[in-house]
Amino acid sequence: MNKEDDGAVYLRGKKYMPVAVRVRAFRDGHPIDDGWCIQTDIIKCDDSEVIIKAKIVGPGGRVVAEGLAEEKRSARGVKSTSAL
């Protein structure tokens, strides 16, 4: 896994921006003091999978985007201990 100066990594030959990098970019352009936030909710968290819902909320409380993420737990690797 190679890492670039912009924080990108290559996974299976494809450029990927880790969540921390994407959140930092969002925060740089959408400060909390201006009324922007990222809200997350755990939809499901059990021994087999984790599902999270995230919302981008703009000034005044308007939801401007939302999405879901799902991770299957595995017996080894990072998803064995850190699927959430």
PDB file of N, CA and C in Angstrom:
ATOM      1  N   MET A   1       0.854  -1.175   0.000  1.00  0.00           N
ATOM      2  CA  MET A   1       0.000   0.000   0.000  1.00  0.00           C
ATOM      3  C   MET A   1       0.895   1.232   0.000  1.00  0.00           C
ATOM      4  N   ASN A   2       0.799   2.050  -1.030  1.00  0.00           N
ATOM      5  CA  ASN A   2       1.568   3.291  -1.123  1.00  0.00           C
ATOM      6  C   ASN A   2       0.707   4.454  -0.663  1.00  0.00           C
ATOM      7  N   LYS A   3       1.344   5.442  -0.036  1.00  0.00           N
ATOM      8  CA  LYS A   3       0.635   6.627   0.423  1.00  0.00           C
ATOM      9  C   LYS A   3       1.164   7.843  -0.305  1.00  0.00           C
ATOM     10  N   GLU A   4       0.251   8.703  -0.774  1.00  0.00           N
ATOM     11  CA  GLU A   4       0.639   9.937  -1.466  1.00  0.00           C
ATOM     12  C   GLU A   4       0.623  11.108  -0.500  1.00  0.00           C
ATOM     13  N   ASP A   5       1.182  12.242  -0.922  1.00  0.00           N
ATOM     14  CA  ASP A   5       1.217  13.438  -0.090  1.00  0.00           C
ATOM     15  C   ASP A   5      -0.176  13.955   0.261  1.00  0.00           C
ATOM     16  N   ASP A   6      -1.168  13.728  -0.606  1.00  0.00           N
ATOM     17  CA  ASP A   6      -2.519  14.207  -0.339  1.00  0.00           C
ATOM     18  C   ASP A   6      -3.293  13.282   0.600  1.00  0.00           C
ATOM     19  N   GLY A   7      -2.635  12.254   1.110  1.00  0.00           N
ATOM     20  CA  GLY A   7      -3.273  11.319   2.032  1.00  0.00           C
ATOM     21  C   GLY A   7      -3.882  10.108   1.359  1.00  0.00           C
ATOM     22  N   ALA A   8      -3.881  10.105   0.035  1.00  0.00           N
ATOM     23  CA  ALA A   8      -4.465   8.980  -0.702  1.00  0.00           C
ATOM     24  C   ALA A   8      -3.616   7.729  -0.523  1.00  0.00           C
ATOM     25  N   VAL A   9      -4.272   6.599  -0.583  1.00  0.00           N
ATOM     26  CA  VAL A   9      -3.580   5.312  -0.580  1.00  0.00           C
ATOM     27  C   VAL A   9      -4.060   4.537  -1.805  1.00  0.00           C
ATOM     28  N   TYR A  10      -3.288   3.556  -2.191  1.00  0.00           N
ATOM     29  CA  TYR A  10      -3.683   2.696  -3.313  1.00  0.00           C
ATOM     30  C   TYR A  10      -4.039   1.325  -2.772  1.00  0.00           C
ATOM     31  N   LEU A  11      -5.256   0.918  -3.026  1.00  0.00           N
ATOM     32  CA  LEU A  11      -5.749  -0.386  -2.631  1.00  0.00           C
ATOM     33  C   LEU A  11      -6.125  -1.158  -3.886  1.00  0.00           C
ATOM     34  N   ARG A  12      -5.479  -2.284  -4.067  1.00  0.00           N
ATOM     35  CA  ARG A  12      -5.726  -3.105  -5.264  1.00  0.00           C
ATOM     36  C   ARG A  12      -5.541  -2.281  -6.542  1.00  0.00           C
ATOM     37  N   GLY A  13      -4.550  -1.384  -6.518  1.00  0.00           N
ATOM     38  CA  GLY A  13      -4.227  -0.599  -7.698  1.00  0.00           C
ATOM     39  C   GLY A  13      -5.099   0.621  -7.935  1.00  0.00           C
ATOM     40  N   LYS A  14      -6.046   0.887  -7.041  1.00  0.00           N
ATOM     41  CA  LYS A  14      -6.933   2.045  -7.205  1.00  0.00           C
ATOM     42  C   LYS A  14      -6.690   3.061  -6.097  1.00  0.00           C
ATOM     43  N   LYS A  15      -6.745   4.342  -6.485  1.00  0.00           N
ATOM     44  CA  LYS A  15      -6.549   5.420  -5.526  1.00  0.00           C
ATOM     45  C   LYS A  15      -7.765   5.506  -4.601  1.00  0.00           C
ATOM     46  N   TYR A  16      -7.495   5.602  -3.316  1.00  0.00           N
ATOM     47  CA  TYR A  16      -8.554   5.679  -2.305  1.00  0.00           C
ATOM     48  C   TYR A  16      -8.208   6.770  -1.307  1.00  0.00           C
ATOM     49  N   MET A  17      -9.197   7.606  -0.997  1.00  0.00           N
ATOM     50  CA  MET A  17      -9.016   8.645   0.008  1.00  0.00           C
ATOM     51  C   MET A  17      -9.642   8.152   1.314  1.00  0.00           C
ATOM     52  N   PRO A  18      -8.828   7.904   2.337  1.00  0.00           N
ATOM     53  CA  PRO A  18      -9.364   7.428   3.615  1.00  0.00           C
ATOM     54  C   PRO A  18     -10.374   8.406   4.205  1.00  0.00           C
ATOM     55  N   VAL A  19     -11.233   7.888   5.058  1.00  0.00           N
ATOM     56  CA  VAL A  19     -12.290   8.701   5.659  1.00  0.00           C
ATOM     57  C   VAL A  19     -11.710   9.920   6.372  1.00  0.00           C
ATOM     58  N   ALA A  20     -10.642   9.756   7.102  1.00  0.00           N
ATOM     59  CA  ALA A  20     -10.068  10.899   7.830  1.00  0.00           C
ATOM     60  C   ALA A  20      -9.673  12.027   6.888  1.00  0.00           C
ATOM     61  N   VAL A  21      -9.172  11.688   5.713  1.00  0.00           N
ATOM     62  CA  VAL A  21      -8.787  12.697   4.721  1.00  0.00           C
ATOM     63  C   VAL A  21     -10.030  13.384   4.163  1.00  0.00           C
ATOM     64  N   ARG A  22     -11.066  12.591   3.877  1.00  0.00           N
ATOM     65  CA  ARG A  22     -12.306  13.179   3.348  1.00  0.00           C
ATOM     66  C   ARG A  22     -12.985  14.073   4.367  1.00  0.00           C
ATOM     67  N   VAL A  23     -12.978  13.673   5.642  1.00  0.00           N
ATOM     68  CA  VAL A  23     -13.585  14.512   6.686  1.00  0.00           C
ATOM     69  C   VAL A  23     -12.799  15.805   6.839  1.00  0.00           C
ATOM     70  N   ARG A  24     -11.480  15.719   6.809  1.00  0.00           N
ATOM     71  CA  ARG A  24     -10.655  16.933   6.915  1.00  0.00           C
ATOM     72  C   ARG A  24     -10.956  17.893   5.765  1.00  0.00           C
ATOM     73  N   ALA A  25     -11.086  17.370   4.541  1.00  0.00           N
ATOM     74  CA  ALA A  25     -11.407  18.217   3.385  1.00  0.00           C
ATOM     75  C   ALA A  25     -12.783  18.857   3.551  1.00  0.00           C
ATOM     76  N   PHE A  26     -13.739  18.093   4.052  1.00  0.00           N
ATOM     77  CA  PHE A  26     -15.070  18.646   4.295  1.00  0.00           C
ATOM     78  C   PHE A  26     -15.004  19.767   5.324  1.00  0.00           C
ATOM     79  N   ARG A  27     -14.306  19.519   6.429  1.00  0.00           N
ATOM     80  CA  ARG A  27     -14.193  20.517   7.495  1.00  0.00           C
ATOM     81  C   ARG A  27     -13.484  21.782   7.017  1.00  0.00           C
ATOM     82  N   ASP A  28     -12.490  21.630   6.153  1.00  0.00           N
ATOM     83  CA  ASP A  28     -11.786  22.805   5.624  1.00  0.00           C
ATOM     84  C   ASP A  28     -12.731  23.718   4.855  1.00  0.00           C
ATOM     85  N   GLY A  29     -13.681  23.143   4.147  1.00  0.00           N
ATOM     86  CA  GLY A  29     -14.599  23.949   3.338  1.00  0.00           C
ATOM     87  C   GLY A  29     -15.939  24.237   3.983  1.00  0.00           C
ATOM     88  N   HIS A  30     -16.249  23.543   5.079  1.00  0.00           N
ATOM     89  CA  HIS A  30     -17.562  23.663   5.727  1.00  0.00           C
ATOM     90  C   HIS A  30     -17.393  23.667   7.246  1.00  0.00           C
ATOM     91  N   PRO A  31     -16.951  24.789   7.811  1.00  0.00           N
ATOM     92  CA  PRO A  31     -16.648  24.847   9.245  1.00  0.00           C
ATOM     93  C   PRO A  31     -17.882  24.676  10.144  1.00  0.00           C
ATOM     94  N   ILE A  32     -17.633  24.102  11.311  1.00  0.00           N
ATOM     95  CA  ILE A  32     -18.684  23.952  12.315  1.00  0.00           C
ATOM     96  C   ILE A  32     -19.273  25.313  12.674  1.00  0.00           C
ATOM     97  N   ASP A  33     -18.414  26.332  12.783  1.00  0.00           N
ATOM     98  CA  ASP A  33     -18.881  27.673  13.155  1.00  0.00           C
ATOM     99  C   ASP A  33     -19.850  28.257  12.127  1.00  0.00           C
ATOM    100  N   ASP A  34     -19.832  27.746  10.896  1.00  0.00           N
ATOM    101  CA  ASP A  34     -20.777  28.202   9.871  1.00  0.00           C
ATOM    102  C   ASP A  34     -22.057  27.382   9.878  1.00  0.00           C
ATOM    103  N   GLY A  35     -22.169  26.409  10.791  1.00  0.00           N
ATOM    104  CA  GLY A  35     -23.404  25.643  10.922  1.00  0.00           C
ATOM    105  C   GLY A  35     -23.406  24.289  10.244  1.00  0.00           C
ATOM    106  N   TRP A  36     -22.255  23.808   9.786  1.00  0.00           N
ATOM    107  CA  TRP A  36     -22.180  22.510   9.106  1.00  0.00           C
ATOM    108  C   TRP A  36     -21.860  21.402  10.100  1.00  0.00           C
ATOM    109  N   CYS A  37     -22.442  20.213   9.876  1.00  0.00           N
ATOM    110  CA  CYS A  37     -22.086  19.077  10.727  1.00  0.00           C
ATOM    111  C   CYS A  37     -22.234  17.758   9.966  1.00  0.00           C
ATOM    112  N   ILE A  38     -21.586  16.751  10.499  1.00  0.00           N
ATOM    113  CA  ILE A  38     -21.714  15.384  10.023  1.00  0.00           C
ATOM    114  C   ILE A  38     -22.336  14.596  11.164  1.00  0.00           C
ATOM    115  N   GLN A  39     -23.522  14.049  10.929  1.00  0.00           N
ATOM    116  CA  GLN A  39     -24.200  13.248  11.942  1.00  0.00           C
ATOM    117  C   GLN A  39     -24.126  11.782  11.543  1.00  0.00           C
ATOM    118  N   THR A  40     -23.807  10.916  12.494  1.00  0.00           N
ATOM    119  CA  THR A  40     -23.761   9.488  12.215  1.00  0.00           C
ATOM    120  C   THR A  40     -24.657   8.734  13.190  1.00  0.00           C
ATOM    121  N   ASP A  41     -25.265   7.677  12.689  1.00  0.00           N
ATOM    122  CA  ASP A  41     -26.116   6.812  13.502  1.00  0.00           C
ATOM    123  C   ASP A  41     -25.751   5.366  13.222  1.00  0.00           C
ATOM    124  N   ILE A  42     -25.667   4.563  14.274  1.00  0.00           N
ATOM    125  CA  ILE A  42     -25.452   3.136  14.101  1.00  0.00           C
ATOM    126  C   ILE A  42     -26.813   2.506  13.817  1.00  0.00           C
ATOM    127  N   ILE A  43     -26.951   1.935  12.637  1.00  0.00           N
ATOM    128  CA  ILE A  43     -28.200   1.277  12.249  1.00  0.00           C
ATOM    129  C   ILE A  43     -28.197  -0.169  12.739  1.00  0.00           C
ATOM    130  N   LYS A  44     -27.059  -0.827  12.610  1.00  0.00           N
ATOM    131  CA  LYS A  44     -26.927  -2.221  13.037  1.00  0.00           C
ATOM    132  C   LYS A  44     -25.481  -2.467  13.439  1.00  0.00           C
ATOM    133  N   CYS A  45     -25.303  -3.175  14.531  1.00  0.00           N
ATOM    134  CA  CYS A  45     -23.954  -3.550  14.978  1.00  0.00           C
ATOM    135  C   CYS A  45     -24.082  -4.864  15.734  1.00  0.00           C
ATOM    136  N   ASP A  46     -23.701  -5.944  15.067  1.00  0.00           N
ATOM    137  CA  ASP A  46     -23.745  -7.245  15.722  1.00  0.00           C
ATOM    138  C   ASP A  46     -22.489  -8.035  15.372  1.00  0.00           C
ATOM    139  N   ASP A  47     -22.491  -9.318  15.650  1.00  0.00           N
ATOM    140  CA  ASP A  47     -21.300 -10.135  15.431  1.00  0.00           C
ATOM    141  C   ASP A  47     -20.958 -10.346  13.965  1.00  0.00           C
ATOM    142  N   SER A  48     -21.912 -10.069  13.052  1.00  0.00           N
ATOM    143  CA  SER A  48     -21.646 -10.334  11.635  1.00  0.00           C
ATOM    144  C   SER A  48     -21.453  -9.086  10.791  1.00  0.00           C
ATOM    145  N   GLU A  49     -22.093  -7.968  11.151  1.00  0.00           N
ATOM    146  CA  GLU A  49     -21.956  -6.771  10.323  1.00  0.00           C
ATOM    147  C   GLU A  49     -22.236  -5.494  11.104  1.00  0.00           C
ATOM    148  N   VAL A  50     -21.783  -4.404  10.516  1.00  0.00           N
ATOM    149  CA  VAL A  50     -22.006  -3.062  11.058  1.00  0.00           C
ATOM    150  C   VAL A  50     -22.551  -2.206   9.927  1.00  0.00           C
ATOM    151  N   ILE A  51     -23.632  -1.483  10.199  1.00  0.00           N
ATOM    152  CA  ILE A  51     -24.197  -0.546   9.223  1.00  0.00           C
ATOM    153  C   ILE A  51     -24.315   0.819   9.898  1.00  0.00           C
ATOM    154  N   ILE A  52     -23.759   1.825   9.241  1.00  0.00           N
ATOM    155  CA  ILE A  52     -23.758   3.195   9.748  1.00  0.00           C
ATOM    156  C   ILE A  52     -24.433   4.101   8.720  1.00  0.00           C
ATOM    157  N   LYS A  53     -25.229   5.034   9.208  1.00  0.00           N
ATOM    158  CA  LYS A  53     -25.838   6.051   8.348  1.00  0.00           C
ATOM    159  C   LYS A  53     -25.182   7.388   8.691  1.00  0.00           C
ATOM    160  N   ALA A  54     -24.744   8.109   7.672  1.00  0.00           N
ATOM    161  CA  ALA A  54     -24.131   9.422   7.874  1.00  0.00           C
ATOM    162  C   ALA A  54     -24.923  10.470   7.112  1.00  0.00           C
ATOM    163  N   LYS A  55     -25.059  11.639   7.724  1.00  0.00           N
ATOM    164  CA  LYS A  55     -25.758  12.765   7.099  1.00  0.00           C
ATOM    165  C   LYS A  55     -24.859  13.992   7.141  1.00  0.00           C
ATOM    166  N   ILE A  56     -24.879  14.746   6.069  1.00  0.00           N
ATOM    167  CA  ILE A  56     -24.262  16.071   6.047  1.00  0.00           C
ATOM    168  C   ILE A  56     -25.406  17.058   6.266  1.00  0.00           C
ATOM    169  N   VAL A  57     -25.281  17.856   7.311  1.00  0.00           N
ATOM    170  CA  VAL A  57     -26.329  18.814   7.669  1.00  0.00           C
ATOM    171  C   VAL A  57     -25.758  20.219   7.533  1.00  0.00           C
ATOM    172  N   GLY A  58     -26.471  21.036   6.774  1.00  0.00           N
ATOM    173  CA  GLY A  58     -26.023  22.395   6.536  1.00  0.00           C
ATOM    174  C   GLY A  58     -26.595  23.377   7.533  1.00  0.00           C
ATOM    175  N   PRO A  59     -26.215  24.636   7.386  1.00  0.00           N
ATOM    176  CA  PRO A  59     -26.747  25.677   8.259  1.00  0.00           C
ATOM    177  C   PRO A  59     -28.280  25.646   8.254  1.00  0.00           C
ATOM    178  N   GLY A  60     -28.867  25.796   9.413  1.00  0.00           N
ATOM    179  CA  GLY A  60     -30.318  25.769   9.512  1.00  0.00           C
ATOM    180  C   GLY A  60     -30.883  24.369   9.672  1.00  0.00           C
ATOM    181  N   GLY A  61     -30.023  23.353   9.696  1.00  0.00           N
ATOM    182  CA  GLY A  61     -30.487  21.998   9.932  1.00  0.00           C
ATOM    183  C   GLY A  61     -30.943  21.220   8.718  1.00  0.00           C
ATOM    184  N   ARG A  62     -30.719  21.760   7.526  1.00  0.00           N
ATOM    185  CA  ARG A  62     -31.149  21.066   6.307  1.00  0.00           C
ATOM    186  C   ARG A  62     -30.181  19.937   5.971  1.00  0.00           C
ATOM    187  N   VAL A  63     -30.727  18.721   5.766  1.00  0.00           N
ATOM    188  CA  VAL A  63     -29.908  17.584   5.353  1.00  0.00           C
ATOM    189  C   VAL A  63     -29.602  17.743   3.872  1.00  0.00           C
ATOM    190  N   VAL A  64     -28.319  17.846   3.532  1.00  0.00           N
ATOM    191  CA  VAL A  64     -27.932  18.055   2.143  1.00  0.00           C
ATOM    192  C   VAL A  64     -27.403  16.786   1.485  1.00  0.00           C
ATOM    193  N   ALA A  65     -27.058  15.780   2.291  1.00  0.00           N
ATOM    194  CA  ALA A  65     -26.612  14.496   1.746  1.00  0.00           C
ATOM    195  C   ALA A  65     -26.679  13.454   2.843  1.00  0.00           C
ATOM    196  N   GLU A  66     -26.887  12.213   2.442  1.00  0.00           N
ATOM    197  CA  GLU A  66     -26.810  11.126   3.399  1.00  0.00           C
ATOM    198  C   GLU A  66     -26.406   9.849   2.688  1.00  0.00           C
ATOM    199  N   GLY A  67     -25.847   8.946   3.446  1.00  0.00           N
ATOM    200  CA  GLY A  67     -25.404   7.688   2.862  1.00  0.00           C
ATOM    201  C   GLY A  67     -25.254   6.622   3.918  1.00  0.00           C
ATOM    202  N   LEU A  68     -25.084   5.399   3.455  1.00  0.00           N
ATOM    203  CA  LEU A  68     -24.920   4.249   4.332  1.00  0.00           C
ATOM    204  C   LEU A  68     -23.580   3.583   4.059  1.00  0.00           C
ATOM    205  N   ALA A  69     -23.006   2.998   5.090  1.00  0.00           N
ATOM    206  CA  ALA A  69     -21.800   2.197   4.946  1.00  0.00           C
ATOM    207  C   ALA A  69     -22.037   0.874   5.661  1.00  0.00           C
ATOM    208  N   GLU A  70     -21.563  -0.194   5.041  1.00  0.00           N
ATOM    209  CA  GLU A  70     -21.720  -1.527   5.616  1.00  0.00           C
ATOM    210  C   GLU A  70     -20.367  -2.227   5.638  1.00  0.00           C
ATOM    211  N   GLU A  71     -20.066  -2.852   6.739  1.00  0.00           N
ATOM    212  CA  GLU A  71     -18.849  -3.657   6.873  1.00  0.00           C
ATOM    213  C   GLU A  71     -19.240  -5.018   7.409  1.00  0.00           C
ATOM    214  N   LYS A  72     -18.777  -6.051   6.773  1.00  0.00           N
ATOM    215  CA  LYS A  72     -18.952  -7.417   7.267  1.00  0.00           C
ATOM    216  C   LYS A  72     -17.774  -7.715   8.185  1.00  0.00           C
ATOM    217  N   ARG A  73     -18.036  -8.242   9.339  1.00  0.00           N
ATOM    218  CA  ARG A  73     -16.956  -8.631  10.242  1.00  0.00           C
ATOM    219  C   ARG A  73     -16.266  -9.868   9.683  1.00  0.00           C
ATOM    220  N   SER A  74     -14.978  -9.981   9.946  1.00  0.00           N
ATOM    221  CA  SER A  74     -14.234 -11.142   9.486  1.00  0.00           C
ATOM    222  C   SER A  74     -13.469 -11.755  10.663  1.00  0.00           C
ATOM    223  N   ALA A  75     -12.959 -12.940  10.445  1.00  0.00           N
ATOM    224  CA  ALA A  75     -12.249 -13.648  11.509  1.00  0.00           C
ATOM    225  C   ALA A  75     -10.839 -13.119  11.710  1.00  0.00           C
ATOM    226  N   ARG A  76     -10.298 -12.384  10.726  1.00  0.00           N
ATOM    227  CA  ARG A  76      -8.937 -11.872  10.869  1.00  0.00           C
ATOM    228  C   ARG A  76      -8.828 -10.515  10.180  1.00  0.00           C
ATOM    229  N   GLY A  77      -7.711  -9.866  10.415  1.00  0.00           N
ATOM    230  CA  GLY A  77      -7.489  -8.555   9.821  1.00  0.00           C
ATOM    231  C   GLY A  77      -8.219  -7.452  10.579  1.00  0.00           C
ATOM    232  N   VAL A  78      -8.197  -6.256  10.002  1.00  0.00           N
ATOM    233  CA  VAL A  78      -8.763  -5.088  10.666  1.00  0.00           C
ATOM    234  C   VAL A  78     -10.262  -5.241  10.919  1.00  0.00           C
ATOM    235  N   LYS A  79     -10.970  -5.942  10.053  1.00  0.00           N
ATOM    236  CA  LYS A  79     -12.418  -6.083  10.242  1.00  0.00           C
ATOM    237  C   LYS A  79     -12.780  -7.084  11.334  1.00  0.00           C
ATOM    238  N   SER A  80     -11.796  -7.763  11.889  1.00  0.00           N
ATOM    239  CA  SER A  80     -12.080  -8.657  13.013  1.00  0.00           C
ATOM    240  C   SER A  80     -12.200  -7.878  14.317  1.00  0.00           C
ATOM    241  N   THR A  81     -11.539  -6.721  14.393  1.00  0.00           N
ATOM    242  CA  THR A  81     -11.566  -5.929  15.623  1.00  0.00           C
ATOM    243  C   THR A  81     -12.127  -4.524  15.427  1.00  0.00           C
ATOM    244  N   SER A  82     -12.139  -4.031  14.189  1.00  0.00           N
ATOM    245  CA  SER A  82     -12.477  -2.624  13.964  1.00  0.00           C
ATOM    246  C   SER A  82     -13.460  -2.415  12.821  1.00  0.00           C
ATOM    247  N   ALA A  83     -14.436  -3.302  12.681  1.00  0.00           N
ATOM    248  CA  ALA A  83     -15.427  -3.113  11.628  1.00  0.00           C
ATOM    249  C   ALA A  83     -16.228  -1.834  11.849  1.00  0.00           C
ATOM    250  N   LEU A  84     -16.438  -1.468  13.110  1.00  0.00           N
ATOM    251  CA  LEU A  84     -17.174  -0.245  13.413  1.00  0.00           C
ATOM    252  C   LEU A  84     -16.290   0.958  13.167  1.00  0.00           C
TER     253      LEU A  84
END
